[in-house]
Amino acid sequence: MKTVLKKDEQVLIVIRQHWLRLVLPFLVWLLITIIFLWWLHNAIAFGIILLAGLYPAFEYISWKNNIWCVTNLRVVDESGFISRRSKESPIDKINNVEYNQTIWGRLLGFGTVDIQTAAELGESIHELIHHPKKLKDTITLAQQQYKESQSSKQAAQLAEALAKNNPVASVASQQLVADELTKLFDLMQKGAITQEEYLIQKSKLMGS
C-alpha cells in the first residue's frame, strides 16, 4: 500500500481482484502467439509476439497495484501505476457492507462487494473481488473494534472529568459513574437513544 499510515493505524487485510481478470489478456496473447508462429515463423512474428506481450504485462501490473486495504481506521481503495488514484472511507462513516457471489463465484472464490458510506454518493460497488466475504467480515470487525476503542476513550475521559469535578469521591464511585456513562455512550452509538437523551443522562450522572 502506497498510502502512508496514520499514528496507531494498523493494516488488517489487503485484497485484490481475482486472478480471473488476468485470464483474458493472457489468452489474447497466447492466441496471437500461436497464429503468428504458425503463419510467419520469422523475426517479424517474434517481434509482434513480444509487442503483444505488453498487453498482459500491463494488465498484471495494473492488477498488482489495484488493492483494497482495510485498517483499524479506514478502508483505502488504491489503483493505478503511472497515474495513481486513492479513495478513503473512514470506518465510522461506513453504514453497510454487502457481498454477492454467484455459483461460479463461490467455486472460484470471487464476488461483488458493495460498500455504502454516509458521504454523498457514498455507494461503491467493486466487482470480481477475491475473497469478498473476508473483505466484508474484516470491515465489520474493524467497525466493532473502532466502536470499542471509542468507548474506552470516552470512559477514560469521563473518569478524568469526574476526578476533577469531585476529587473527594471514591475511586469506586467514579468508576461506577464512568461505567454507566460508557453504557449510555454505547446505546447512543447503536441508535437506542438519541444524542439529546444521552447528554441529559450524562449531565445527571456528572452532577451538573
Protein backbone atom coordinates (compact mmCIF):
# COMPACT_ATOMS: atom_id res chain seq x y z
CA MET A 1 0.00 0.00 0.00
CA LYS A 2 1.36 3.40 -1.03
CA THR A 3 -0.87 5.39 1.36
CA VAL A 4 1.01 6.45 4.49
CA LEU A 5 -0.44 5.01 7.69
CA LYS A 6 -1.59 7.35 10.45
CA LYS A 7 -0.47 7.18 14.06
CA ASP A 8 -1.64 3.95 15.75
CA GLU A 9 -3.08 2.71 12.43
CA GLN A 10 -2.69 -0.99 11.63
CA VAL A 11 -3.30 -2.88 8.38
CA LEU A 12 -5.85 -5.68 8.86
CA ILE A 13 -6.07 -7.06 5.33
CA VAL A 14 -5.10 -6.29 1.72
CA ILE A 15 -7.39 -7.64 -1.04
CA ARG A 16 -7.07 -7.55 -4.84
CA GLN A 17 -9.32 -8.54 -7.70
CA HIS A 18 -9.47 -12.23 -8.56
CA TRP A 19 -6.81 -13.70 -10.86
CA LEU A 20 -9.56 -14.33 -13.44
CA ARG A 21 -9.05 -10.73 -14.51
CA LEU A 22 -5.70 -11.81 -15.99
CA VAL A 23 -7.07 -14.77 -17.97
CA LEU A 24 -8.40 -12.78 -20.96
CA PRO A 25 -5.17 -10.79 -21.57
CA PHE A 26 -3.12 -13.98 -21.35
CA LEU A 27 -5.44 -15.86 -23.75
CA VAL A 28 -5.30 -12.99 -26.25
CA TRP A 29 -1.50 -13.02 -26.14
CA LEU A 30 -1.44 -16.83 -26.45
CA LEU A 31 -3.76 -16.73 -29.47
CA ILE A 32 -1.59 -14.10 -31.18
CA THR A 33 1.50 -16.19 -30.44
CA ILE A 34 0.01 -19.33 -32.00
CA ILE A 35 -1.30 -17.53 -35.09
CA PHE A 36 1.92 -15.66 -35.92
CA LEU A 37 4.21 -18.60 -35.22
CA TRP A 38 2.10 -20.78 -37.50
CA TRP A 39 1.65 -18.09 -40.17
CA LEU A 40 5.03 -16.35 -40.39
CA HIS A 41 7.52 -18.15 -38.18
CA ASN A 42 10.24 -15.49 -38.62
CA ALA A 43 11.79 -12.50 -36.85
CA ILE A 44 8.75 -10.33 -37.58
CA ALA A 45 6.49 -12.86 -35.86
CA PHE A 46 8.69 -12.88 -32.77
CA GLY A 47 8.65 -9.06 -32.72
CA ILE A 48 4.86 -8.98 -32.90
CA ILE A 49 4.62 -11.62 -30.16
CA LEU A 50 6.91 -9.61 -27.87
CA LEU A 51 4.95 -6.43 -28.59
CA ALA A 52 1.64 -8.20 -27.89
CA GLY A 53 3.12 -9.41 -24.60
CA LEU A 54 2.95 -5.83 -23.34
CA TYR A 55 -0.83 -6.21 -23.02
CA PRO A 56 -0.87 -8.99 -20.37
CA ALA A 57 2.19 -7.41 -18.70
CA PHE A 58 0.37 -4.08 -18.35
CA GLU A 59 -2.76 -5.82 -17.06
CA TYR A 60 -0.70 -7.70 -14.47
CA ILE A 61 0.96 -4.51 -13.20
CA SER A 62 -2.47 -2.83 -13.06
CA TRP A 63 -3.92 -5.81 -11.15
CA LYS A 64 -0.98 -5.81 -8.73
CA ASN A 65 -1.48 -2.13 -7.90
CA ASN A 66 -5.28 -2.23 -7.63
CA ILE A 67 -5.90 -3.03 -3.96
CA TRP A 68 -8.40 -2.62 -1.15
CA CYS A 69 -6.72 -2.20 2.21
CA VAL A 70 -8.68 -2.35 5.48
CA THR A 71 -7.08 -0.81 8.55
CA ASN A 72 -8.43 -0.21 12.04
CA LEU A 73 -9.33 3.35 10.96
CA ARG A 74 -10.34 3.30 7.28
CA VAL A 75 -10.80 1.42 4.03
CA VAL A 76 -8.35 2.53 1.33
CA ASP A 77 -9.05 1.86 -2.37
CA GLU A 78 -5.88 2.31 -4.42
CA SER A 79 -5.35 1.81 -8.14
CA GLY A 80 -3.01 2.86 -10.92
CA PHE A 81 0.72 2.51 -11.56
CA ILE A 82 1.85 5.51 -13.61
CA SER A 83 -1.06 7.73 -12.58
CA ARG A 84 -2.46 6.82 -9.19
CA ARG A 85 -5.92 7.06 -7.62
CA SER A 86 -6.75 6.66 -3.94
CA LYS A 87 -10.13 6.76 -2.19
CA GLU A 88 -10.59 6.50 1.57
CA SER A 89 -13.65 5.62 3.62
CA PRO A 90 -13.37 6.17 7.40
CA ILE A 91 -14.53 3.12 9.34
CA ASP A 92 -17.04 5.14 11.38
CA LYS A 93 -18.62 6.53 8.18
CA ILE A 94 -19.40 3.13 6.64
CA ASN A 95 -23.10 2.35 7.05
CA ASN A 96 -23.32 -1.05 5.40
CA VAL A 97 -21.21 -3.67 3.64
CA GLU A 98 -22.69 -6.40 1.44
CA TYR A 99 -21.20 -9.06 -0.78
CA ASN A 100 -22.71 -11.21 -3.51
CA GLN A 101 -21.39 -14.42 -5.09
CA THR A 102 -22.76 -16.46 -7.96
CA ILE A 103 -22.32 -20.23 -8.07
CA TRP A 104 -19.12 -19.83 -10.07
CA GLY A 105 -18.03 -17.11 -7.69
CA ARG A 106 -18.37 -19.45 -4.72
CA LEU A 107 -16.47 -22.21 -6.53
CA LEU A 108 -13.61 -19.98 -7.66
CA GLY A 109 -13.57 -17.52 -4.77
CA PHE A 110 -14.70 -14.19 -6.29
CA GLY A 111 -17.68 -11.90 -5.93
CA THR A 112 -19.02 -8.35 -5.75
CA VAL A 113 -18.68 -6.12 -2.68
CA ASP A 114 -20.97 -3.13 -2.06
CA ILE A 115 -19.72 -0.55 0.46
CA GLN A 116 -22.18 2.17 1.50
CA THR A 117 -20.92 5.22 3.38
CA ALA A 118 -22.51 8.27 4.95
CA ALA A 119 -20.94 10.55 2.35
CA GLU A 120 -22.90 11.92 -0.60
CA LEU A 121 -22.84 9.40 -3.47
CA GLY A 122 -21.17 7.12 -0.98
CA GLU A 123 -22.01 3.76 -2.56
CA SER A 124 -19.03 1.89 -4.04
CA ILE A 125 -19.56 -1.37 -5.93
CA HIS A 126 -16.44 -3.46 -6.55
CA GLU A 127 -16.62 -6.45 -8.87
CA LEU A 128 -14.52 -9.60 -9.24
CA ILE A 129 -13.11 -9.25 -5.71
CA HIS A 130 -11.00 -12.12 -4.40
CA HIS A 131 -12.40 -13.46 -1.09
CA PRO A 132 -15.35 -10.98 -0.90
CA LYS A 133 -16.64 -12.46 2.39
CA LYS A 134 -13.23 -11.99 4.00
CA LEU A 135 -13.21 -8.32 2.92
CA LYS A 136 -16.73 -7.79 4.28
CA ASP A 137 -16.00 -9.57 7.59
CA THR A 138 -12.77 -7.61 8.09
CA ILE A 139 -14.57 -4.29 7.63
CA THR A 140 -17.26 -5.39 10.11
CA LEU A 141 -14.58 -6.42 12.62
CA ALA A 142 -12.76 -3.10 12.18
CA GLN A 143 -16.02 -1.23 12.85
CA GLN A 144 -16.60 -3.20 16.06
CA GLN A 145 -13.04 -2.63 17.26
CA TYR A 146 -13.31 1.08 16.45
CA LYS A 147 -16.51 1.44 18.49
CA GLU A 148 -14.93 -0.39 21.42
CA SER A 149 -11.85 1.85 21.29
CA GLN A 150 -14.04 4.95 21.17
CA SER A 151 -16.00 3.69 24.17
CA SER A 152 -12.76 3.10 26.08
CA LYS A 153 -11.52 6.60 25.28
CA GLN A 154 -14.88 8.02 26.31
CA ALA A 155 -14.74 6.15 29.62
CA ALA A 156 -11.19 7.37 30.32
CA GLN A 157 -12.13 10.97 29.57
CA LEU A 158 -15.23 10.75 31.77
CA ALA A 159 -13.28 9.21 34.65
CA GLU A 160 -10.75 12.03 34.40
CA ALA A 161 -13.53 14.63 34.33
CA LEU A 162 -15.22 13.04 37.35
CA ALA A 163 -11.98 13.10 39.32
CA LYS A 164 -11.55 16.82 38.59
CA ASN A 165 -15.16 17.75 39.36
CA ASN A 166 -15.46 15.65 42.52
CA PRO A 167 -12.00 14.92 43.96
CA VAL A 168 -13.42 13.68 47.29
CA ALA A 169 -15.47 10.91 45.66
CA SER A 170 -14.08 7.42 45.98
CA VAL A 171 -12.37 5.74 43.07
CA ALA A 172 -15.05 3.03 43.11
CA SER A 173 -17.89 5.53 42.77
CA GLN A 174 -16.05 7.38 40.00
CA GLN A 175 -15.56 4.12 38.13
CA LEU A 176 -19.24 3.22 38.62
CA VAL A 177 -20.37 6.51 37.08
CA ALA A 178 -17.84 6.14 34.27
CA ASP A 179 -19.19 2.66 33.51
CA GLU A 180 -22.76 3.97 33.41
CA LEU A 181 -21.72 6.75 31.05
CA THR A 182 -19.95 4.26 28.83
CA LYS A 183 -23.14 2.17 28.63
CA LEU A 184 -25.09 5.28 27.66
CA PHE A 185 -22.50 6.12 25.03
CA ASP A 186 -22.79 2.61 23.56
CA LEU A 187 -26.58 2.91 23.46
CA MET A 188 -26.26 6.20 21.58
CA GLN A 189 -23.80 4.61 19.13
CA LYS A 190 -26.26 1.79 18.46
CA GLY A 191 -29.14 4.22 17.99
CA ALA A 192 -31.08 3.03 21.05
CA ILE A 193 -31.15 6.56 22.49
CA THR A 194 -30.76 9.96 20.87
CA GLN A 195 -27.82 12.29 21.38
CA GLU A 196 -30.09 14.65 23.34
CA GLU A 197 -31.14 11.84 25.70
CA TYR A 198 -27.50 10.86 26.13
CA LEU A 199 -26.49 14.42 27.05
CA ILE A 200 -29.33 14.71 29.58
CA GLN A 201 -28.41 11.47 31.32
CA LYS A 202 -24.73 12.41 31.19
CA SER A 203 -25.44 15.72 32.94
CA LYS A 204 -27.38 13.93 35.67
CA LEU A 205 -24.60 11.42 36.30
CA MET A 206 -21.94 14.12 36.23
CA GLY A 207 -23.96 16.13 38.73
CA SER A 208 -24.12 19.19 36.55
